[in-house]
Amino acid sequence: RYYSDTARLVAVVCALFVSFTYVAGQMRGVGVVFSRFLEVDVNTGVVVGMAIVFMYAVMGGMKGITYTQVAQYVVLIFAYMVP
């Protein structure tokens, strides 16, 4: 969409940086949750969580991932409104 190759490159770098930052936070949260739930190390919890997300994405496709995001936002909204 940009007519400048430099603007495209900057947009791609920014999108990758934001995406990796978001995924790193999500994976750390998944690792903490699974490590406490399964009583294992955080790194093992991250691997277990990544495997579950991968299998869910493979089996359910993009539609399944979309429903997961909807459920996540419903939980977040509920968690902010209750207190």
PDB file of N, CA and C in Angstrom:
ATOM      1  N   ARG A   1       0.805  -1.197   0.000  1.00  0.00           N
ATOM      2  CA  ARG A   1       0.000   0.000   0.000  1.00  0.00           C
ATOM      3  C   ARG A   1       0.845   1.256   0.000  1.00  0.00           C
ATOM      4  N   TYR A   2       2.036   1.135   0.488  1.00  0.00           N
ATOM      5  CA  TYR A   2       2.912   2.298   0.485  1.00  0.00           C
ATOM      6  C   TYR A   2       3.659   2.354  -0.837  1.00  0.00           C
ATOM      7  N   TYR A   3       3.890   3.544  -1.308  1.00  0.00           N
ATOM      8  CA  TYR A   3       4.621   3.711  -2.567  1.00  0.00           C
ATOM      9  C   TYR A   3       6.126   3.739  -2.344  1.00  0.00           C
ATOM     10  N   SER A   4       6.538   3.798  -1.108  1.00  0.00           N
ATOM     11  CA  SER A   4       7.953   3.850  -0.780  1.00  0.00           C
ATOM     12  C   SER A   4       8.401   2.497  -0.225  1.00  0.00           C
ATOM     13  N   ASP A   5       9.498   1.982  -0.746  1.00  0.00           N
ATOM     14  CA  ASP A   5      10.035   0.721  -0.230  1.00  0.00           C
ATOM     15  C   ASP A   5      10.533   0.874   1.208  1.00  0.00           C
ATOM     16  N   THR A   6      11.029   2.047   1.535  1.00  0.00           N
ATOM     17  CA  THR A   6      11.494   2.304   2.899  1.00  0.00           C
ATOM     18  C   THR A   6      10.330   2.271   3.883  1.00  0.00           C
ATOM     19  N   ALA A   7       9.208   2.876   3.506  1.00  0.00           N
ATOM     20  CA  ALA A   7       8.033   2.860   4.370  1.00  0.00           C
ATOM     21  C   ALA A   7       7.519   1.435   4.562  1.00  0.00           C
ATOM     22  N   ARG A   8       7.555   0.628   3.525  1.00  0.00           N
ATOM     23  CA  ARG A   8       7.142  -0.778   3.645  1.00  0.00           C
ATOM     24  C   ARG A   8       8.054  -1.530   4.595  1.00  0.00           C
ATOM     25  N   LEU A   9       9.356  -1.305   4.463  1.00  0.00           N
ATOM     26  CA  LEU A   9      10.314  -1.985   5.328  1.00  0.00           C
ATOM     27  C   LEU A   9      10.114  -1.584   6.786  1.00  0.00           C
ATOM     28  N   VAL A  10       9.920  -0.306   7.049  1.00  0.00           N
ATOM     29  CA  VAL A  10       9.685   0.167   8.410  1.00  0.00           C
ATOM     30  C   VAL A  10       8.402  -0.442   8.966  1.00  0.00           C
ATOM     31  N   ALA A  11       7.355  -0.514   8.157  1.00  0.00           N
ATOM     32  CA  ALA A  11       6.094  -1.104   8.604  1.00  0.00           C
ATOM     33  C   ALA A  11       6.264  -2.582   8.943  1.00  0.00           C
ATOM     34  N   VAL A  12       7.011  -3.310   8.139  1.00  0.00           N
ATOM     35  CA  VAL A  12       7.241  -4.730   8.396  1.00  0.00           C
ATOM     36  C   VAL A  12       8.044  -4.920   9.675  1.00  0.00           C
ATOM     37  N   VAL A  13       9.094  -4.141   9.855  1.00  0.00           N
ATOM     38  CA  VAL A  13       9.919  -4.260  11.058  1.00  0.00           C
ATOM     39  C   VAL A  13       9.102  -3.939  12.303  1.00  0.00           C
ATOM     40  N   CYS A  14       8.294  -2.896  12.248  1.00  0.00           N
ATOM     41  CA  CYS A  14       7.443  -2.540  13.389  1.00  0.00           C
ATOM     42  C   CYS A  14       6.425  -3.636  13.689  1.00  0.00           C
ATOM     43  N   ALA A  15       5.803  -4.184  12.654  1.00  0.00           N
ATOM     44  CA  ALA A  15       4.818  -5.248  12.848  1.00  0.00           C
ATOM     45  C   ALA A  15       5.464  -6.494  13.455  1.00  0.00           C
ATOM     46  N   LEU A  16       6.650  -6.856  12.985  1.00  0.00           N
ATOM     47  CA  LEU A  16       7.350  -8.012  13.548  1.00  0.00           C
ATOM     48  C   LEU A  16       7.750  -7.778  15.000  1.00  0.00           C
ATOM     49  N   PHE A  17       8.243  -6.586  15.306  1.00  0.00           N
ATOM     50  CA  PHE A  17       8.634  -6.268  16.679  1.00  0.00           C
ATOM     51  C   PHE A  17       7.442  -6.354  17.632  1.00  0.00           C
ATOM     52  N   VAL A  18       6.327  -5.750  17.251  1.00  0.00           N
ATOM     53  CA  VAL A  18       5.128  -5.782  18.088  1.00  0.00           C
ATOM     54  C   VAL A  18       4.611  -7.216  18.228  1.00  0.00           C
ATOM     55  N   SER A  19       4.610  -7.967  17.139  1.00  0.00           N
ATOM     56  CA  SER A  19       4.116  -9.342  17.186  1.00  0.00           C
ATOM     57  C   SER A  19       4.961 -10.214  18.103  1.00  0.00           C
ATOM     58  N   PHE A  20       6.293 -10.103  17.984  1.00  0.00           N
ATOM     59  CA  PHE A  20       7.158 -10.912  18.834  1.00  0.00           C
ATOM     60  C   PHE A  20       7.042 -10.506  20.296  1.00  0.00           C
ATOM     61  N   THR A  21       6.883  -9.226  20.562  1.00  0.00           N
ATOM     62  CA  THR A  21       6.702  -8.768  21.938  1.00  0.00           C
ATOM     63  C   THR A  21       5.415  -9.322  22.521  1.00  0.00           C
ATOM     64  N   TYR A  22       4.342  -9.287  21.754  1.00  0.00           N
ATOM     65  CA  TYR A  22       3.052  -9.807  22.203  1.00  0.00           C
ATOM     66  C   TYR A  22       3.131 -11.310  22.446  1.00  0.00           C
ATOM     67  N   VAL A  23       3.734 -12.035  21.508  1.00  0.00           N
ATOM     68  CA  VAL A  23       3.824 -13.496  21.637  1.00  0.00           C
ATOM     69  C   VAL A  23       4.700 -13.880  22.824  1.00  0.00           C
ATOM     70  N   ALA A  24       5.773 -13.142  23.066  1.00  0.00           N
ATOM     71  CA  ALA A  24       6.639 -13.453  24.211  1.00  0.00           C
ATOM     72  C   ALA A  24       5.873 -13.325  25.521  1.00  0.00           C
ATOM     73  N   GLY A  25       5.074 -12.282  25.663  1.00  0.00           N
ATOM     74  CA  GLY A  25       4.258 -12.115  26.866  1.00  0.00           C
ATOM     75  C   GLY A  25       3.205 -13.194  27.005  1.00  0.00           C
ATOM     76  N   GLN A  26       2.565 -13.526  25.903  1.00  0.00           N
ATOM     77  CA  GLN A  26       1.547 -14.573  25.932  1.00  0.00           C
ATOM     78  C   GLN A  26       2.155 -15.919  26.314  1.00  0.00           C
ATOM     79  N   MET A  27       3.291 -16.252  25.730  1.00  0.00           N
ATOM     80  CA  MET A  27       3.923 -17.543  26.012  1.00  0.00           C
ATOM     81  C   MET A  27       4.406 -17.621  27.460  1.00  0.00           C
ATOM     82  N   ARG A  28       4.899 -16.506  27.985  1.00  0.00           N
ATOM     83  CA  ARG A  28       5.314 -16.502  29.397  1.00  0.00           C
ATOM     84  C   ARG A  28       4.104 -16.731  30.298  1.00  0.00           C
ATOM     85  N   GLY A  29       2.987 -16.091  29.978  1.00  0.00           N
ATOM     86  CA  GLY A  29       1.765 -16.306  30.755  1.00  0.00           C
ATOM     87  C   GLY A  29       1.277 -17.739  30.673  1.00  0.00           C
ATOM     88  N   VAL A  30       1.323 -18.314  29.485  1.00  0.00           N
ATOM     89  CA  VAL A  30       0.930 -19.713  29.310  1.00  0.00           C
ATOM     90  C   VAL A  30       1.856 -20.622  30.110  1.00  0.00           C
ATOM     91  N   GLY A  31       3.152 -20.312  30.090  1.00  0.00           N
ATOM     92  CA  GLY A  31       4.108 -21.111  30.841  1.00  0.00           C
ATOM     93  C   GLY A  31       3.862 -21.070  32.332  1.00  0.00           C
ATOM     94  N   VAL A  32       3.554 -19.890  32.855  1.00  0.00           N
ATOM     95  CA  VAL A  32       3.279 -19.759  34.284  1.00  0.00           C
ATOM     96  C   VAL A  32       2.015 -20.535  34.660  1.00  0.00           C
ATOM     97  N   VAL A  33       0.971 -20.385  33.849  1.00  0.00           N
ATOM     98  CA  VAL A  33      -0.288 -21.079  34.144  1.00  0.00           C
ATOM     99  C   VAL A  33      -0.100 -22.592  34.122  1.00  0.00           C
ATOM    100  N   PHE A  34       0.524 -23.107  33.060  1.00  0.00           N
ATOM    101  CA  PHE A  34       0.699 -24.550  32.969  1.00  0.00           C
ATOM    102  C   PHE A  34       1.710 -25.069  33.990  1.00  0.00           C
ATOM    103  N   SER A  35       2.711 -24.270  34.333  1.00  0.00           N
ATOM    104  CA  SER A  35       3.672 -24.736  35.337  1.00  0.00           C
ATOM    105  C   SER A  35       3.006 -24.883  36.698  1.00  0.00           C
ATOM    106  N   ARG A  36       2.103 -23.995  37.021  1.00  0.00           N
ATOM    107  CA  ARG A  36       1.400 -24.116  38.302  1.00  0.00           C
ATOM    108  C   ARG A  36       0.332 -25.205  38.247  1.00  0.00           C
ATOM    109  N   PHE A  37      -0.322 -25.325  37.109  1.00  0.00           N
ATOM    110  CA  PHE A  37      -1.383 -26.339  36.966  1.00  0.00           C
ATOM    111  C   PHE A  37      -0.803 -27.747  36.970  1.00  0.00           C
ATOM    112  N   LEU A  38       0.306 -27.945  36.260  1.00  0.00           N
ATOM    113  CA  LEU A  38       0.911 -29.275  36.145  1.00  0.00           C
ATOM    114  C   LEU A  38       2.059 -29.497  37.125  1.00  0.00           C
ATOM    115  N   GLU A  39       2.403 -28.462  37.906  1.00  0.00           N
ATOM    116  CA  GLU A  39       3.499 -28.517  38.867  1.00  0.00           C
ATOM    117  C   GLU A  39       4.814 -28.920  38.195  1.00  0.00           C
ATOM    118  N   VAL A  40       5.152 -28.207  37.125  1.00  0.00           N
ATOM    119  CA  VAL A  40       6.404 -28.419  36.394  1.00  0.00           C
ATOM    120  C   VAL A  40       7.134 -27.090  36.289  1.00  0.00           C
ATOM    121  N   ASP A  41       8.307 -27.107  35.664  1.00  0.00           N
ATOM    122  CA  ASP A  41       9.090 -25.898  35.440  1.00  0.00           C
ATOM    123  C   ASP A  41       8.364 -24.975  34.449  1.00  0.00           C
ATOM    124  N   VAL A  42       8.642 -23.674  34.520  1.00  0.00           N
ATOM    125  CA  VAL A  42       7.994 -22.712  33.626  1.00  0.00           C
ATOM    126  C   VAL A  42       8.320 -23.012  32.166  1.00  0.00           C
ATOM    127  N   ASN A  43       9.568 -23.377  31.869  1.00  0.00           N
ATOM    128  CA  ASN A  43       9.942 -23.682  30.489  1.00  0.00           C
ATOM    129  C   ASN A  43       9.176 -24.887  29.957  1.00  0.00           C
ATOM    130  N   THR A  44       8.975 -25.886  30.801  1.00  0.00           N
ATOM    131  CA  THR A  44       8.162 -27.041  30.401  1.00  0.00           C
ATOM    132  C   THR A  44       6.721 -26.619  30.184  1.00  0.00           C
ATOM    133  N   GLY A  45       6.233 -25.720  31.020  1.00  0.00           N
ATOM    134  CA  GLY A  45       4.875 -25.202  30.850  1.00  0.00           C
ATOM    135  C   GLY A  45       4.707 -24.454  29.535  1.00  0.00           C
ATOM    136  N   VAL A  46       5.744 -23.706  29.137  1.00  0.00           N
ATOM    137  CA  VAL A  46       5.699 -23.002  27.848  1.00  0.00           C
ATOM    138  C   VAL A  46       5.618 -24.004  26.702  1.00  0.00           C
ATOM    139  N   VAL A  47       6.436 -25.049  26.767  1.00  0.00           N
ATOM    140  CA  VAL A  47       6.432 -26.057  25.701  1.00  0.00           C
ATOM    141  C   VAL A  47       5.081 -26.773  25.635  1.00  0.00           C
ATOM    142  N   VAL A  48       4.525 -27.130  26.781  1.00  0.00           N
ATOM    143  CA  VAL A  48       3.214 -27.786  26.808  1.00  0.00           C
ATOM    144  C   VAL A  48       2.145 -26.851  26.245  1.00  0.00           C
ATOM    145  N   GLY A  49       2.177 -25.585  26.657  1.00  0.00           N
ATOM    146  CA  GLY A  49       1.207 -24.618  26.149  1.00  0.00           C
ATOM    147  C   GLY A  49       1.330 -24.399  24.656  1.00  0.00           C
ATOM    148  N   MET A  50       2.565 -24.323  24.162  1.00  0.00           N
ATOM    149  CA  MET A  50       2.772 -24.145  22.724  1.00  0.00           C
ATOM    150  C   MET A  50       2.270 -25.359  21.952  1.00  0.00           C
ATOM    151  N   ALA A  51       2.477 -26.540  22.500  1.00  0.00           N
ATOM    152  CA  ALA A  51       1.999 -27.761  21.830  1.00  0.00           C
ATOM    153  C   ALA A  51       0.471 -27.782  21.770  1.00  0.00           C
ATOM    154  N   ILE A  52      -0.172 -27.371  22.839  1.00  0.00           N
ATOM    155  CA  ILE A  52      -1.643 -27.334  22.855  1.00  0.00           C
ATOM    156  C   ILE A  52      -2.168 -26.303  21.874  1.00  0.00           C
ATOM    157  N   VAL A  53      -1.565 -25.120  21.851  1.00  0.00           N
ATOM    158  CA  VAL A  53      -1.999 -24.084  20.911  1.00  0.00           C
ATOM    159  C   VAL A  53      -1.763 -24.533  19.476  1.00  0.00           C
ATOM    160  N   PHE A  54      -0.623 -25.177  19.217  1.00  0.00           N
ATOM    161  CA  PHE A  54      -0.326 -25.671  17.873  1.00  0.00           C
ATOM    162  C   PHE A  54      -1.354 -26.710  17.434  1.00  0.00           C
ATOM    163  N   MET A  55      -1.662 -27.661  18.299  1.00  0.00           N
ATOM    164  CA  MET A  55      -2.635 -28.701  17.941  1.00  0.00           C
ATOM    165  C   MET A  55      -4.025 -28.090  17.725  1.00  0.00           C
ATOM    166  N   TYR A  56      -4.375 -27.136  18.557  1.00  0.00           N
ATOM    167  CA  TYR A  56      -5.679 -26.477  18.407  1.00  0.00           C
ATOM    168  C   TYR A  56      -5.745 -25.723  17.084  1.00  0.00           C
ATOM    169  N   ALA A  57      -4.652 -25.056  16.704  1.00  0.00           N
ATOM    170  CA  ALA A  57      -4.626 -24.313  15.443  1.00  0.00           C
ATOM    171  C   ALA A  57      -4.679 -25.260  14.250  1.00  0.00           C
ATOM    172  N   VAL A  58      -3.974 -26.397  14.353  1.00  0.00           N
ATOM    173  CA  VAL A  58      -3.983 -27.363  13.251  1.00  0.00           C
ATOM    174  C   VAL A  58      -5.356 -28.002  13.102  1.00  0.00           C
ATOM    175  N   MET A  59      -5.969 -28.364  14.218  1.00  0.00           N
ATOM    176  CA  MET A  59      -7.267 -29.053  14.160  1.00  0.00           C
ATOM    177  C   MET A  59      -8.420 -28.092  13.852  1.00  0.00           C
ATOM    178  N   GLY A  60      -8.385 -26.897  14.420  1.00  0.00           N
ATOM    179  CA  GLY A  60      -9.507 -25.984  14.282  1.00  0.00           C
ATOM    180  C   GLY A  60      -9.338 -24.931  13.205  1.00  0.00           C
ATOM    181  N   GLY A  61      -8.116 -24.698  12.764  1.00  0.00           N
ATOM    182  CA  GLY A  61      -7.874 -23.683  11.750  1.00  0.00           C
ATOM    183  C   GLY A  61      -8.071 -22.277  12.288  1.00  0.00           C
ATOM    184  N   MET A  62      -8.204 -21.350  11.380  1.00  0.00           N
ATOM    185  CA  MET A  62      -8.333 -19.941  11.759  1.00  0.00           C
ATOM    186  C   MET A  62      -9.643 -19.678  12.495  1.00  0.00           C
ATOM    187  N   LYS A  63     -10.663 -20.427  12.165  1.00  0.00           N
ATOM    188  CA  LYS A  63     -11.947 -20.253  12.846  1.00  0.00           C
ATOM    189  C   LYS A  63     -11.821 -20.605  14.328  1.00  0.00           C
ATOM    190  N   GLY A  64     -11.099 -21.674  14.614  1.00  0.00           N
ATOM    191  CA  GLY A  64     -10.884 -22.062  16.000  1.00  0.00           C
ATOM    192  C   GLY A  64     -10.069 -21.033  16.764  1.00  0.00           C
ATOM    193  N   ILE A  65      -9.050 -20.471  16.120  1.00  0.00           N
ATOM    194  CA  ILE A  65      -8.227 -19.447  16.765  1.00  0.00           C
ATOM    195  C   ILE A  65      -9.062 -18.200  17.045  1.00  0.00           C
ATOM    196  N   THR A  66      -9.952 -17.863  16.116  1.00  0.00           N
ATOM    197  CA  THR A  66     -10.818 -16.699  16.311  1.00  0.00           C
ATOM    198  C   THR A  66     -11.727 -16.898  17.511  1.00  0.00           C
ATOM    199  N   TYR A  67     -12.296 -18.080  17.655  1.00  0.00           N
ATOM    200  CA  TYR A  67     -13.149 -18.355  18.814  1.00  0.00           C
ATOM    201  C   TYR A  67     -12.354 -18.305  20.117  1.00  0.00           C
ATOM    202  N   THR A  68     -11.095 -18.724  20.071  1.00  0.00           N
ATOM    203  CA  THR A  68     -10.243 -18.641  21.250  1.00  0.00           C
ATOM    204  C   THR A  68     -10.031 -17.191  21.651  1.00  0.00           C
ATOM    205  N   GLN A  69      -9.792 -16.318  20.680  1.00  0.00           N
ATOM    206  CA  GLN A  69      -9.605 -14.897  20.973  1.00  0.00           C
ATOM    207  C   GLN A  69     -10.882 -14.286  21.544  1.00  0.00           C
ATOM    208  N   VAL A  70     -12.026 -14.676  21.023  1.00  0.00           N
ATOM    209  CA  VAL A  70     -13.299 -14.168  21.545  1.00  0.00           C
ATOM    210  C   VAL A  70     -13.457 -14.572  23.003  1.00  0.00           C
ATOM    211  N   ALA A  71     -13.168 -15.839  23.303  1.00  0.00           N
ATOM    212  CA  ALA A  71     -13.275 -16.304  24.685  1.00  0.00           C
ATOM    213  C   ALA A  71     -12.303 -15.560  25.594  1.00  0.00           C
ATOM    214  N   GLN A  72     -11.096 -15.301  25.097  1.00  0.00           N
ATOM    215  CA  GLN A  72     -10.108 -14.577  25.891  1.00  0.00           C
ATOM    216  C   GLN A  72     -10.584 -13.167  26.201  1.00  0.00           C
ATOM    217  N   TYR A  73     -11.139 -12.483  25.225  1.00  0.00           N
ATOM    218  CA  TYR A  73     -11.613 -11.121  25.463  1.00  0.00           C
ATOM    219  C   TYR A  73     -12.827 -11.082  26.378  1.00  0.00           C
ATOM    220  N   VAL A  74     -13.683 -12.075  26.312  1.00  0.00           N
ATOM    221  CA  VAL A  74     -14.823 -12.137  27.226  1.00  0.00           C
ATOM    222  C   VAL A  74     -14.320 -12.286  28.661  1.00  0.00           C
ATOM    223  N   VAL A  75     -13.332 -13.153  28.865  1.00  0.00           N
ATOM    224  CA  VAL A  75     -12.758 -13.335  30.203  1.00  0.00           C
ATOM    225  C   VAL A  75     -12.105 -12.042  30.679  1.00  0.00           C
ATOM    226  N   LEU A  76     -11.358 -11.365  29.798  1.00  0.00           N
ATOM    227  CA  LEU A  76     -10.714 -10.106  30.184  1.00  0.00           C
ATOM    228  C   LEU A  76     -11.727  -9.030  30.545  1.00  0.00           C
ATOM    229  N   ILE A  77     -12.761  -8.894  29.755  1.00  0.00           N
ATOM    230  CA  ILE A  77     -13.799  -7.899  30.041  1.00  0.00           C
ATOM    231  C   ILE A  77     -14.478  -8.198  31.372  1.00  0.00           C
ATOM    232  N   PHE A  78     -14.789  -9.478  31.600  1.00  0.00           N
ATOM    233  CA  PHE A  78     -15.409  -9.884  32.847  1.00  0.00           C
ATOM    234  C   PHE A  78     -14.467  -9.592  34.034  1.00  0.00           C
ATOM    235  N   ALA A  79     -13.177  -9.881  33.849  1.00  0.00           N
ATOM    236  CA  ALA A  79     -12.210  -9.663  34.926  1.00  0.00           C
ATOM    237  C   ALA A  79     -12.045  -8.186  35.252  1.00  0.00           C
ATOM    238  N   TYR A  80     -12.198  -7.308  34.268  1.00  0.00           N
ATOM    239  CA  TYR A  80     -12.091  -5.864  34.537  1.00  0.00           C
ATOM    240  C   TYR A  80     -13.372  -5.299  35.139  1.00  0.00           C
ATOM    241  N   MET A  81     -14.503  -5.874  34.783  1.00  0.00           N
ATOM    242  CA  MET A  81     -15.778  -5.311  35.245  1.00  0.00           C
ATOM    243  C   MET A  81     -16.158  -5.768  36.650  1.00  0.00           C
ATOM    244  N   VAL A  82     -15.748  -6.945  37.044  1.00  0.00           N
ATOM    245  CA  VAL A  82     -16.150  -7.476  38.343  1.00  0.00           C
ATOM    246  C   VAL A  82     -15.615  -6.644  39.518  1.00  0.00           C
ATOM    247  N   PRO A  83     -14.338  -6.322  39.560  1.00  0.00           N
ATOM    248  CA  PRO A  83     -13.854  -5.549  40.715  1.00  0.00           C
ATOM    249  C   PRO A  83     -14.436  -4.154  40.744  1.00  0.00           C
TER     250      PRO A  83
END
